[in-house]
Amino acid sequence: MKVAPGPESEKHNASASARRRLVSSGTAMVLGLGLVFGVGWFLYRPYIPPGWLRDFGADIALRAAADPDPPPPTDTRQVTPRGLADSPYICVAKVVHEPWDRLVVVAAGQEVRAHPILSGARWPSAGLENLAAQMARDDRYQLLVLLKDNAVLDAQLFYTFWGILEGIARPEGYTREEAIFTAASKGGIYVVTQAADVPADACR
């Protein structure tokens, strides 16, 4: 004969069922949040600058000579503490650790496809055309290209409000030994120039 469950048994079953629903709901929420963050990271990842580009920009900010009459800051990068750098020289070979042998800088408004080195370099598929189109659409874009044996290791856009690179944009680019720059803050913007009279031990 089948015995009907008593009140205590029904209460226990209801409690267990509630716990299962709670666990199931919590697991679904965690999985859902994980999926959202995963998709967000996948979509946002192409817009995150690589480490070498962030390091280069940070070194400019660290070593730039202070503006004697600075305007009120409009960006946190314009209020970097001064006096922390051990040298005014931006030694790209020390900052950018990729195995490059030539750095090419393209200033805003210049035509990438007409550059004497970049036009003959080996690019990833459609890389040159895509960057040329982006620079044509936005006059704030400058370009930094790392080359190794005439092949493009990496090419990244660099906004003018991060620093003006016009003073270091030259057709032949720079070898590792030549890529030594200085910077100064002018009107709230970093202006980068090629270093002159560099001491022999400046980048050791």
C-alpha atoms as a PDB file:
ATOM      1  CA  MET A   1       0.000   0.000   0.000  1.00  0.00           C
ATOM      2  CA  LYS A   2       1.375   3.411  -1.003  1.00  0.00           C
ATOM      3  CA  VAL A   3       1.725   5.869   1.883  1.00  0.00           C
ATOM      4  CA  ALA A   4       0.953   9.526   1.155  1.00  0.00           C
ATOM      5  CA  PRO A   5       3.829  11.886   1.988  1.00  0.00           C
ATOM      6  CA  GLY A   6       3.488  13.743   5.231  1.00  0.00           C
ATOM      7  CA  PRO A   7       3.798  17.492   5.803  1.00  0.00           C
ATOM      8  CA  GLU A   8       7.496  17.251   6.722  1.00  0.00           C
ATOM      9  CA  SER A   9       8.295  15.337   3.531  1.00  0.00           C
ATOM     10  CA  GLU A  10       6.412  17.840   1.380  1.00  0.00           C
ATOM     11  CA  LYS A  11       8.243  20.710   3.084  1.00  0.00           C
ATOM     12  CA  HIS A  12      11.618  19.031   2.446  1.00  0.00           C
ATOM     13  CA  ASN A  13      10.791  18.403  -1.209  1.00  0.00           C
ATOM     14  CA  ALA A  14       9.678  21.996  -1.712  1.00  0.00           C
ATOM     15  CA  SER A  15      12.890  23.287  -0.109  1.00  0.00           C
ATOM     16  CA  ALA A  16      15.060  21.036  -2.305  1.00  0.00           C
ATOM     17  CA  SER A  17      13.177  22.125  -5.408  1.00  0.00           C
ATOM     18  CA  ALA A  18      13.682  25.785  -4.493  1.00  0.00           C
ATOM     19  CA  ARG A  19      17.414  25.201  -4.010  1.00  0.00           C
ATOM     20  CA  ARG A  20      17.668  23.505  -7.405  1.00  0.00           C
ATOM     21  CA  ARG A  21      15.889  26.424  -9.068  1.00  0.00           C
ATOM     22  CA  LEU A  22      18.198  28.887  -7.312  1.00  0.00           C
ATOM     23  CA  VAL A  23      21.331  26.979  -8.347  1.00  0.00           C
ATOM     24  CA  SER A  24      20.049  26.632 -11.892  1.00  0.00           C
ATOM     25  CA  SER A  25      19.199  30.335 -12.061  1.00  0.00           C
ATOM     26  CA  GLY A  26      22.587  31.354 -10.622  1.00  0.00           C
ATOM     27  CA  THR A  27      24.465  29.122 -13.038  1.00  0.00           C
ATOM     28  CA  ALA A  28      22.533  30.539 -15.963  1.00  0.00           C
ATOM     29  CA  MET A  29      23.284  34.077 -14.787  1.00  0.00           C
ATOM     30  CA  VAL A  30      27.016  33.370 -14.447  1.00  0.00           C
ATOM     31  CA  LEU A  31      27.121  31.733 -17.872  1.00  0.00           C
ATOM     32  CA  GLY A  32      25.173  34.621 -19.360  1.00  0.00           C
ATOM     33  CA  LEU A  33      27.507  37.226 -17.868  1.00  0.00           C
ATOM     34  CA  GLY A  34      30.519  35.242 -19.043  1.00  0.00           C
ATOM     35  CA  LEU A  35      29.114  35.136 -22.552  1.00  0.00           C
ATOM     36  CA  VAL A  36      28.433  38.889 -22.544  1.00  0.00           C
ATOM     37  CA  PHE A  37      31.954  39.705 -21.339  1.00  0.00           C
ATOM     38  CA  GLY A  38      33.467  37.254 -23.813  1.00  0.00           C
ATOM     39  CA  VAL A  39      31.623  38.743 -26.773  1.00  0.00           C
ATOM     40  CA  GLY A  40      32.415  42.278 -25.580  1.00  0.00           C
ATOM     41  CA  TRP A  41      36.121  41.470 -25.277  1.00  0.00           C
ATOM     42  CA  PHE A  42      36.144  39.865 -28.737  1.00  0.00           C
ATOM     43  CA  LEU A  43      34.502  42.933 -30.301  1.00  0.00           C
ATOM     44  CA  TYR A  44      36.613  45.489 -28.413  1.00  0.00           C
ATOM     45  CA  ARG A  45      39.969  43.728 -28.700  1.00  0.00           C
ATOM     46  CA  PRO A  46      40.885  45.100 -32.176  1.00  0.00           C
ATOM     47  CA  TYR A  47      40.622  48.641 -30.771  1.00  0.00           C
ATOM     48  CA  ILE A  48      43.050  48.067 -27.880  1.00  0.00           C
ATOM     49  CA  PRO A  49      46.500  49.462 -28.795  1.00  0.00           C
ATOM     50  CA  PRO A  50      49.312  46.897 -28.579  1.00  0.00           C
ATOM     51  CA  GLY A  51      51.732  47.092 -25.682  1.00  0.00           C
ATOM     52  CA  TRP A  52      54.592  48.572 -27.699  1.00  0.00           C
ATOM     53  CA  LEU A  53      52.434  51.488 -28.859  1.00  0.00           C
ATOM     54  CA  ARG A  54      51.244  52.212 -25.310  1.00  0.00           C
ATOM     55  CA  ASP A  55      54.846  52.047 -24.073  1.00  0.00           C
ATOM     56  CA  PHE A  56      56.013  54.447 -26.779  1.00  0.00           C
ATOM     57  CA  GLY A  57      53.277  56.950 -25.923  1.00  0.00           C
ATOM     58  CA  ALA A  58      54.014  56.636 -22.206  1.00  0.00           C
ATOM     59  CA  ASP A  59      57.726  57.270 -22.789  1.00  0.00           C
ATOM     60  CA  ILE A  60      56.910  60.426 -24.740  1.00  0.00           C
ATOM     61  CA  ALA A  61      54.777  61.666 -21.856  1.00  0.00           C
ATOM     62  CA  LEU A  62      57.414  60.759 -19.271  1.00  0.00           C
ATOM     63  CA  ARG A  63      60.353  62.435 -21.011  1.00  0.00           C
ATOM     64  CA  ALA A  64      58.711  65.473 -22.607  1.00  0.00           C
ATOM     65  CA  ALA A  65      59.992  68.847 -21.476  1.00  0.00           C
ATOM     66  CA  ALA A  66      57.335  70.740 -19.561  1.00  0.00           C
ATOM     67  CA  ASP A  67      55.447  73.603 -21.167  1.00  0.00           C
ATOM     68  CA  PRO A  68      56.515  76.812 -19.365  1.00  0.00           C
ATOM     69  CA  ASP A  69      53.014  78.236 -19.828  1.00  0.00           C
ATOM     70  CA  PRO A  70      50.657  75.243 -19.965  1.00  0.00           C
ATOM     71  CA  PRO A  71      46.928  75.576 -20.676  1.00  0.00           C
ATOM     72  CA  PRO A  72      44.424  73.887 -18.345  1.00  0.00           C
ATOM     73  CA  PRO A  73      44.597  70.110 -18.989  1.00  0.00           C
ATOM     74  CA  THR A  74      41.787  68.534 -20.989  1.00  0.00           C
ATOM     75  CA  ASP A  75      43.195  64.992 -20.927  1.00  0.00           C
ATOM     76  CA  THR A  76      44.903  63.010 -18.162  1.00  0.00           C
ATOM     77  CA  ARG A  77      47.885  62.367 -20.439  1.00  0.00           C
ATOM     78  CA  GLN A  78      48.552  66.105 -20.433  1.00  0.00           C
ATOM     79  CA  VAL A  79      49.167  66.206 -16.674  1.00  0.00           C
ATOM     80  CA  THR A  80      51.810  63.490 -16.380  1.00  0.00           C
ATOM     81  CA  PRO A  81      54.111  64.247 -13.401  1.00  0.00           C
ATOM     82  CA  ARG A  82      57.438  65.748 -14.452  1.00  0.00           C
ATOM     83  CA  GLY A  83      60.906  65.204 -13.095  1.00  0.00           C
ATOM     84  CA  LEU A  84      60.608  61.393 -13.032  1.00  0.00           C
ATOM     85  CA  ALA A  85      62.641  60.594 -16.131  1.00  0.00           C
ATOM     86  CA  ASP A  86      66.344  59.809 -15.845  1.00  0.00           C
ATOM     87  CA  SER A  87      66.952  61.151 -19.362  1.00  0.00           C
ATOM     88  CA  PRO A  88      65.171  63.342 -21.928  1.00  0.00           C
ATOM     89  CA  TYR A  89      65.921  60.856 -24.711  1.00  0.00           C
ATOM     90  CA  ILE A  90      63.196  58.598 -26.096  1.00  0.00           C
ATOM     91  CA  CYS A  91      65.165  55.518 -27.143  1.00  0.00           C
ATOM     92  CA  VAL A  92      62.735  53.546 -29.269  1.00  0.00           C
ATOM     93  CA  ALA A  93      64.912  50.422 -29.319  1.00  0.00           C
ATOM     94  CA  LYS A  94      64.667  50.266 -25.507  1.00  0.00           C
ATOM     95  CA  VAL A  95      60.924  50.908 -25.428  1.00  0.00           C
ATOM     96  CA  VAL A  96      59.750  48.784 -28.364  1.00  0.00           C
ATOM     97  CA  HIS A  97      60.984  45.230 -27.831  1.00  0.00           C
ATOM     98  CA  GLU A  98      59.722  43.692 -31.072  1.00  0.00           C
ATOM     99  CA  PRO A  99      62.561  42.507 -33.388  1.00  0.00           C
ATOM    100  CA  TRP A 100      62.313  45.455 -35.793  1.00  0.00           C
ATOM    101  CA  ASP A 101      65.194  46.848 -37.833  1.00  0.00           C
ATOM    102  CA  ARG A 102      63.521  49.983 -39.204  1.00  0.00           C
ATOM    103  CA  LEU A 103      60.894  52.376 -37.891  1.00  0.00           C
ATOM    104  CA  VAL A 104      58.908  54.474 -40.343  1.00  0.00           C
ATOM    105  CA  VAL A 105      56.754  57.403 -39.255  1.00  0.00           C
ATOM    106  CA  VAL A 106      54.072  58.851 -41.517  1.00  0.00           C
ATOM    107  CA  ALA A 107      52.719  62.271 -40.557  1.00  0.00           C
ATOM    108  CA  ALA A 108      49.060  63.250 -40.701  1.00  0.00           C
ATOM    109  CA  GLY A 109      48.004  64.129 -44.235  1.00  0.00           C
ATOM    110  CA  GLN A 110      50.781  62.178 -45.945  1.00  0.00           C
ATOM    111  CA  GLU A 111      49.930  59.514 -48.518  1.00  0.00           C
ATOM    112  CA  VAL A 112      51.067  56.144 -47.195  1.00  0.00           C
ATOM    113  CA  ARG A 113      50.959  54.449 -50.595  1.00  0.00           C
ATOM    114  CA  ALA A 114      53.437  56.988 -51.983  1.00  0.00           C
ATOM    115  CA  HIS A 115      55.991  56.472 -49.205  1.00  0.00           C
ATOM    116  CA  PRO A 116      59.314  55.329 -50.744  1.00  0.00           C
ATOM    117  CA  ILE A 117      59.866  52.526 -48.208  1.00  0.00           C
ATOM    118  CA  LEU A 118      56.333  51.504 -47.317  1.00  0.00           C
ATOM    119  CA  SER A 119      55.165  51.299 -50.925  1.00  0.00           C
ATOM    120  CA  GLY A 120      57.765  48.602 -51.579  1.00  0.00           C
ATOM    121  CA  ALA A 121      57.498  46.763 -48.259  1.00  0.00           C
ATOM    122  CA  ARG A 122      55.788  43.396 -47.817  1.00  0.00           C
ATOM    123  CA  TRP A 123      52.423  44.011 -46.159  1.00  0.00           C
ATOM    124  CA  PRO A 124      49.785  41.648 -44.821  1.00  0.00           C
ATOM    125  CA  SER A 125      46.871  41.272 -47.219  1.00  0.00           C
ATOM    126  CA  ALA A 126      45.109  44.641 -47.751  1.00  0.00           C
ATOM    127  CA  GLY A 127      47.041  46.167 -44.848  1.00  0.00           C
ATOM    128  CA  LEU A 128      48.456  49.107 -46.779  1.00  0.00           C
ATOM    129  CA  GLU A 129      45.168  49.938 -48.492  1.00  0.00           C
ATOM    130  CA  ASN A 130      43.177  49.781 -45.250  1.00  0.00           C
ATOM    131  CA  LEU A 131      45.553  52.096 -43.397  1.00  0.00           C
ATOM    132  CA  ALA A 132      45.701  54.528 -46.316  1.00  0.00           C
ATOM    133  CA  ALA A 133      41.898  54.707 -46.348  1.00  0.00           C
ATOM    134  CA  GLN A 134      41.728  55.308 -42.590  1.00  0.00           C
ATOM    135  CA  MET A 135      44.318  58.083 -42.721  1.00  0.00           C
ATOM    136  CA  ALA A 136      42.474  59.722 -45.607  1.00  0.00           C
ATOM    137  CA  ARG A 137      39.247  59.763 -43.574  1.00  0.00           C
ATOM    138  CA  ASP A 138      40.708  61.340 -40.434  1.00  0.00           C
ATOM    139  CA  ASP A 139      43.435  63.983 -40.460  1.00  0.00           C
ATOM    140  CA  ARG A 140      44.247  63.242 -36.805  1.00  0.00           C
ATOM    141  CA  TYR A 141      45.818  59.928 -37.766  1.00  0.00           C
ATOM    142  CA  GLN A 142      49.567  59.413 -38.001  1.00  0.00           C
ATOM    143  CA  LEU A 143      51.227  56.069 -38.640  1.00  0.00           C
ATOM    144  CA  LEU A 144      54.020  54.105 -36.978  1.00  0.00           C
ATOM    145  CA  VAL A 145      55.352  51.101 -38.892  1.00  0.00           C
ATOM    146  CA  LEU A 146      57.819  48.501 -37.615  1.00  0.00           C
ATOM    147  CA  LEU A 147      59.749  46.698 -40.352  1.00  0.00           C
ATOM    148  CA  LYS A 148      62.008  43.646 -40.313  1.00  0.00           C
ATOM    149  CA  ASP A 149      63.873  42.722 -43.512  1.00  0.00           C
ATOM    150  CA  ASN A 150      61.478  44.960 -45.486  1.00  0.00           C
ATOM    151  CA  ALA A 151      58.423  43.116 -44.137  1.00  0.00           C
ATOM    152  CA  VAL A 152      55.858  44.869 -41.946  1.00  0.00           C
ATOM    153  CA  LEU A 153      55.920  43.491 -38.397  1.00  0.00           C
ATOM    154  CA  ASP A 154      53.223  45.864 -37.189  1.00  0.00           C
ATOM    155  CA  ALA A 155      51.633  49.143 -38.229  1.00  0.00           C
ATOM    156  CA  GLN A 156      49.569  51.247 -35.855  1.00  0.00           C
ATOM    157  CA  LEU A 157      47.729  54.536 -36.091  1.00  0.00           C
ATOM    158  CA  PHE A 158      48.784  57.221 -33.616  1.00  0.00           C
ATOM    159  CA  TYR A 159      46.458  60.151 -32.884  1.00  0.00           C
ATOM    160  CA  THR A 160      47.830  63.675 -33.086  1.00  0.00           C
ATOM    161  CA  PHE A 161      46.396  64.447 -29.645  1.00  0.00           C
ATOM    162  CA  TRP A 162      48.682  61.737 -28.229  1.00  0.00           C
ATOM    163  CA  GLY A 163      51.656  63.546 -29.745  1.00  0.00           C
ATOM    164  CA  ILE A 164      52.634  65.353 -32.949  1.00  0.00           C
ATOM    165  CA  LEU A 165      55.047  63.165 -34.944  1.00  0.00           C
ATOM    166  CA  GLU A 166      55.525  65.425 -37.962  1.00  0.00           C
ATOM    167  CA  GLY A 167      59.041  66.328 -36.793  1.00  0.00           C
ATOM    168  CA  ILE A 168      60.213  62.715 -37.011  1.00  0.00           C
ATOM    169  CA  ALA A 169      58.497  61.730 -40.272  1.00  0.00           C
ATOM    170  CA  ARG A 170      61.300  61.275 -42.792  1.00  0.00           C
ATOM    171  CA  PRO A 171      61.309  59.166 -45.976  1.00  0.00           C
ATOM    172  CA  GLU A 172      64.130  56.796 -45.018  1.00  0.00           C
ATOM    173  CA  GLY A 173      62.793  56.031 -41.557  1.00  0.00           C
ATOM    174  CA  TYR A 174      65.098  55.078 -38.685  1.00  0.00           C
ATOM    175  CA  THR A 175      67.333  52.176 -37.814  1.00  0.00           C
ATOM    176  CA  ARG A 176      67.435  51.014 -34.199  1.00  0.00           C
ATOM    177  CA  GLU A 177      70.520  53.163 -33.612  1.00  0.00           C
ATOM    178  CA  GLU A 178      68.962  56.264 -35.205  1.00  0.00           C
ATOM    179  CA  ALA A 179      65.541  56.154 -33.528  1.00  0.00           C
ATOM    180  CA  ILE A 180      66.292  58.528 -30.662  1.00  0.00           C
ATOM    181  CA  PHE A 181      63.865  61.382 -30.096  1.00  0.00           C
ATOM    182  CA  THR A 182      63.018  64.149 -27.681  1.00  0.00           C
ATOM    183  CA  ALA A 183      59.668  65.726 -26.903  1.00  0.00           C
ATOM    184  CA  ALA A 184      58.232  68.880 -25.421  1.00  0.00           C
ATOM    185  CA  SER A 185      54.769  69.800 -24.241  1.00  0.00           C
ATOM    186  CA  LYS A 186      53.460  72.748 -26.246  1.00  0.00           C
ATOM    187  CA  GLY A 187      49.947  74.039 -25.830  1.00  0.00           C
ATOM    188  CA  GLY A 188      48.952  70.870 -24.007  1.00  0.00           C
ATOM    189  CA  ILE A 189      50.181  68.578 -26.810  1.00  0.00           C
ATOM    190  CA  TYR A 190      53.413  66.603 -26.969  1.00  0.00           C
ATOM    191  CA  VAL A 191      55.606  67.514 -29.941  1.00  0.00           C
ATOM    192  CA  VAL A 192      58.233  64.911 -30.853  1.00  0.00           C
ATOM    193  CA  THR A 193      61.458  65.784 -32.680  1.00  0.00           C
ATOM    194  CA  GLN A 194      64.635  63.982 -33.661  1.00  0.00           C
ATOM    195  CA  ALA A 195      67.268  64.305 -30.951  1.00  0.00           C
ATOM    196  CA  ALA A 196      70.387  66.307 -31.738  1.00  0.00           C
ATOM    197  CA  ASP A 197      73.886  65.900 -30.269  1.00  0.00           C
ATOM    198  CA  VAL A 198      72.963  62.672 -28.528  1.00  0.00           C
ATOM    199  CA  PRO A 199      75.572  61.434 -26.025  1.00  0.00           C
ATOM    200  CA  ALA A 200      77.101  58.079 -26.918  1.00  0.00           C
ATOM    201  CA  ASP A 201      75.697  56.448 -23.784  1.00  0.00           C
ATOM    202  CA  ALA A 202      72.215  58.010 -23.988  1.00  0.00           C
ATOM    203  CA  CYS A 203      70.443  54.737 -24.733  1.00  0.00           C
ATOM    204  CA  ARG A 204      72.549  52.259 -22.799  1.00  0.00           C
END
